[in-house]
Structure formats: structure tokens, C-alpha cells
Amino acid sequence: MATIGTFKKTGTEYTGEIFTLSLQAKGVRLVPDLRASGENAPSHRVLVGRAEIGAAWTKKSNEGREYLGLKLDDPSFAAPIYANLFDDEDGESSSLIWSRPNTRRGD
């Protein structure tokens, strides 16, 4: 697992940064998706400036804590990036955590 971003919550929005080897984005915003409909619709949109680079879904951990599951995509990516936004213990910031998905290889 790797921390690839840090965010602060302001009202219903999150603002922060995402940094990987290929992506350096400041001013990233996670804004509620007011037009969302249906149980599988994202709860938030991920924006950098006017560009939408992903979506987020509200999820619950096994311990009952809410977090956001993000899917980030950009034409420069070989494949989408999946990460989770968890509140930090200080209660004032959140960390975007990426981990490589488990893939099964054929025997």
C-alpha cells in the first residue's frame, strides 16, 4: 500500500493533491455528484480544474467506518488507478491509499 494523495474536507467537498510517478496533480477536488441516480452511481466526481479525472463511491469498512473508493483515469494512464480515501486519525485530513489489485495468474 502506498499513500498517493492527501486531502482536507471542507463541507461536503474534499480538496488536495495526488502524486505518483506519472501524475502530479494539485487542486484536486472531490465534489458530490448531485445528478447521481441508482445504487451503483458514484457519490462524488474527481476534478482537476475543469477536467473530470475520475469518480468515487461511498463505502463502509468491516468496522463500520465510511470511506471513499476512487477510480482515476486519464488518457496518459495504461489502465485506471483504484485507490481508497480514508480519514486520518487526527480527524482533520484524509489519505488516498493505493494498493496493487490482486490478480490470479494461471498455473
Protein backbone atom coordinates (compact mmCIF):
# COMPACT_ATOMS: atom_id res chain seq x y z
CA MET A 1 0.00 0.00 0.00
CA ALA A 2 1.18 3.49 -0.78
CA THR A 3 -0.14 6.94 0.09
CA ILE A 4 -0.56 8.76 -3.21
CA GLY A 5 -2.54 11.75 -2.00
CA THR A 6 -3.64 13.94 0.87
CA PHE A 7 -6.96 15.74 1.21
CA LYS A 8 -8.87 18.03 3.55
CA LYS A 9 -12.64 18.04 3.86
CA THR A 10 -14.46 21.35 3.54
CA GLY A 11 -18.20 20.97 3.91
CA THR A 12 -19.18 18.18 1.52
CA GLU A 13 -16.10 18.52 -0.72
CA TYR A 14 -12.53 17.27 -0.42
CA THR A 15 -9.56 19.21 -1.81
CA GLY A 16 -5.99 18.02 -2.08
CA GLU A 17 -3.16 16.57 -4.14
CA ILE A 18 -2.39 13.31 -5.91
CA PHE A 19 1.23 12.38 -6.63
CA THR A 20 2.54 9.27 -8.38
CA LEU A 21 5.49 8.80 -10.72
CA SER A 22 3.30 9.76 -13.69
CA LEU A 23 0.70 12.05 -12.08
CA GLN A 24 1.37 15.24 -10.14
CA ALA A 25 -1.94 16.98 -9.57
CA LYS A 26 -2.59 19.83 -7.15
CA GLY A 27 -6.00 21.35 -6.62
CA VAL A 28 -7.80 18.01 -6.95
CA ARG A 29 -11.43 18.24 -5.84
CA LEU A 30 -13.87 15.51 -4.91
CA VAL A 31 -17.31 17.03 -5.25
CA PRO A 32 -20.66 15.38 -4.51
CA ASP A 33 -22.41 14.17 -7.66
CA LEU A 34 -25.84 15.75 -7.32
CA ARG A 35 -27.08 14.12 -10.54
CA ALA A 36 -26.27 10.59 -9.35
CA SER A 37 -29.12 8.13 -9.61
CA GLY A 38 -29.20 4.41 -9.00
CA GLU A 39 -27.47 2.35 -6.36
CA ASN A 40 -24.26 1.90 -8.39
CA ALA A 41 -23.86 5.58 -9.30
CA PRO A 42 -20.79 7.36 -7.90
CA SER A 43 -21.33 9.63 -4.91
CA HIS A 44 -18.53 12.05 -5.97
CA ARG A 45 -16.73 13.24 -9.10
CA VAL A 46 -12.96 13.80 -9.11
CA LEU A 47 -11.94 17.06 -10.81
CA VAL A 48 -8.70 18.85 -11.62
CA GLY A 49 -9.63 22.28 -12.87
CA ARG A 50 -12.48 21.66 -15.30
CA ALA A 51 -11.30 18.16 -16.23
CA GLU A 52 -13.02 15.16 -14.68
CA ILE A 53 -10.40 12.51 -13.95
CA GLY A 54 -12.48 10.01 -12.01
CA ALA A 55 -15.31 9.10 -9.71
CA ALA A 56 -15.73 7.98 -6.11
CA TRP A 57 -18.19 5.74 -4.31
CA THR A 58 -19.07 5.87 -0.60
CA LYS A 59 -18.21 2.55 1.06
CA LYS A 60 -18.13 1.09 4.59
CA SER A 61 -15.28 -0.83 6.16
CA ASN A 62 -15.81 -4.03 8.14
CA GLU A 63 -15.56 -1.84 11.25
CA GLY A 64 -18.40 0.39 10.00
CA ARG A 65 -16.24 3.40 9.07
CA GLU A 66 -17.17 5.24 5.88
CA TYR A 67 -14.53 5.90 3.22
CA LEU A 68 -14.45 6.72 -0.50
CA GLY A 69 -13.37 4.23 -3.16
CA LEU A 70 -11.91 6.11 -6.15
CA LYS A 71 -11.38 5.18 -9.78
CA LEU A 72 -8.99 7.60 -11.52
CA ASP A 73 -8.42 7.57 -15.26
CA ASP A 74 -6.59 9.73 -17.76
CA PRO A 75 -5.54 9.21 -21.40
CA SER A 76 -1.92 9.05 -20.20
CA PHE A 77 -2.63 6.02 -17.95
CA ALA A 78 -2.15 2.48 -19.23
CA ALA A 79 -5.11 1.47 -17.05
CA PRO A 80 -7.33 3.12 -14.43
CA ILE A 81 -5.97 3.60 -10.91
CA TYR A 82 -8.08 2.41 -7.97
CA ALA A 83 -7.50 3.87 -4.50
CA ASN A 84 -9.32 4.48 -1.22
CA LEU A 85 -9.65 7.75 0.70
CA PHE A 86 -9.57 7.20 4.47
CA ASP A 87 -9.88 9.79 7.23
CA ASP A 88 -6.63 10.17 9.16
CA GLU A 89 -6.60 9.66 12.92
CA ASP A 90 -6.30 13.41 13.51
CA GLY A 91 -9.78 13.84 12.02
CA GLU A 92 -8.66 16.85 10.00
CA SER A 93 -7.17 15.25 6.90
CA SER A 94 -7.59 12.19 4.71
CA SER A 95 -5.08 9.96 2.91
CA LEU A 96 -5.53 8.46 -0.53
CA ILE A 97 -4.14 4.91 -0.37
CA TRP A 98 -3.31 2.84 -3.44
CA SER A 99 -2.58 -0.86 -3.45
CA ARG A 100 -1.98 -3.12 -6.41
CA PRO A 101 -5.04 -5.28 -7.10
CA ASN A 102 -4.60 -8.98 -6.50
CA THR A 103 -4.59 -10.82 -9.81
CA ARG A 104 -4.51 -14.55 -10.12
CA ARG A 105 -2.05 -16.00 -12.53
CA GLY A 106 -2.79 -19.14 -14.46
CA ASP A 107 -0.97 -22.23 -13.20
